[in-house]
């Protein structure tokens, strides 16, 4: 899910590129629900993924970023 939808901007290792680094993204979004809302609605140059991915897919990718990029 991450590779197909996020890596193009955030990099395969989450260190950034076109989009910002996701390393320690949980510090940026201490409340996981806020990160889910941001991914769903987009903002600040990030597209709105709520129109592309299901709620379950968004939750899956958010969980992945919080665990993989500590």
Protein backbone atom coordinates (compact mmCIF):
# COMPACT_ATOMS: atom_id res chain seq x y z
CA UNK A 1 0.00 0.00 0.00
CA UNK A 2 2.78 2.44 0.96
CA UNK A 3 4.90 1.61 -2.10
CA UNK A 4 1.98 2.10 -4.46
CA UNK A 5 0.62 5.33 -3.00
CA UNK A 6 3.21 7.15 -0.88
CA UNK A 7 6.77 6.19 -1.80
CA UNK A 8 6.80 8.34 -4.95
CA UNK A 9 6.79 11.47 -2.78
CA UNK A 10 8.05 10.31 0.62
CA UNK A 11 10.68 7.83 -0.61
CA UNK A 12 10.82 4.07 -0.24
CA UNK A 13 12.49 4.44 3.15
CA UNK A 14 10.27 7.35 4.23
CA UNK A 15 13.17 9.80 4.29
CA UNK A 16 11.47 12.28 1.99
CA UNK A 17 11.86 13.53 -1.54
CA UNK A 18 9.13 15.60 -3.14
CA UNK A 19 7.22 15.19 0.13
CA UNK A 20 8.62 15.50 3.65
CA UNK A 21 10.35 12.78 5.63
CA UNK A 22 8.07 10.43 7.52
CA UNK A 23 10.78 9.43 9.96
CA UNK A 24 9.22 9.72 13.42
CA UNK A 25 5.86 10.70 11.91
CA UNK A 26 4.22 9.72 15.21
CA UNK A 27 5.92 12.74 16.82
CA UNK A 28 4.32 14.99 14.21
CA UNK A 29 0.94 13.30 14.74
CA UNK A 30 0.88 12.01 18.35
CA UNK A 31 -2.81 11.14 17.89
CA UNK A 32 -3.10 8.53 15.14
CA UNK A 33 -6.58 9.81 14.26
CA UNK A 34 -5.10 13.21 13.33
CA UNK A 35 -2.69 11.52 10.93
CA UNK A 36 -5.54 9.51 9.41
CA UNK A 37 -7.54 12.71 8.94
CA UNK A 38 -4.57 14.43 7.29
CA UNK A 39 -3.98 11.53 4.87
CA UNK A 40 -7.70 11.40 4.10
CA UNK A 41 -8.15 15.13 3.52
CA UNK A 42 -4.70 16.13 2.30
CA UNK A 43 -3.22 19.59 2.70
CA UNK A 44 0.01 21.50 2.37
CA UNK A 45 0.75 19.98 -1.03
CA UNK A 46 -0.35 16.45 -0.11
CA UNK A 47 -3.21 15.10 -2.20
CA UNK A 48 -6.48 13.99 -0.67
CA UNK A 49 -6.29 10.20 -0.41
CA UNK A 50 -9.82 9.88 0.97
CA UNK A 51 -11.00 10.03 -2.64
CA UNK A 52 -8.57 7.29 -3.73
CA UNK A 53 -8.22 4.81 -0.86
CA UNK A 54 -10.74 3.19 1.45
CA UNK A 55 -10.81 4.08 5.14
CA UNK A 56 -9.28 0.67 5.89
CA UNK A 57 -6.47 1.25 3.37
CA UNK A 58 -5.69 4.66 4.87
CA UNK A 59 -5.59 3.20 8.37
CA UNK A 60 -3.28 0.44 7.10
CA UNK A 61 -0.81 2.84 5.49
CA UNK A 62 -0.84 5.16 8.51
CA UNK A 63 -0.14 2.22 10.82
CA UNK A 64 2.69 1.15 8.53
CA UNK A 65 4.34 4.58 8.52
CA UNK A 66 4.14 4.85 12.31
CA UNK A 67 5.79 1.44 12.75
CA UNK A 68 8.27 1.40 9.86
CA UNK A 69 9.69 4.92 10.13
CA UNK A 70 10.52 5.35 13.82
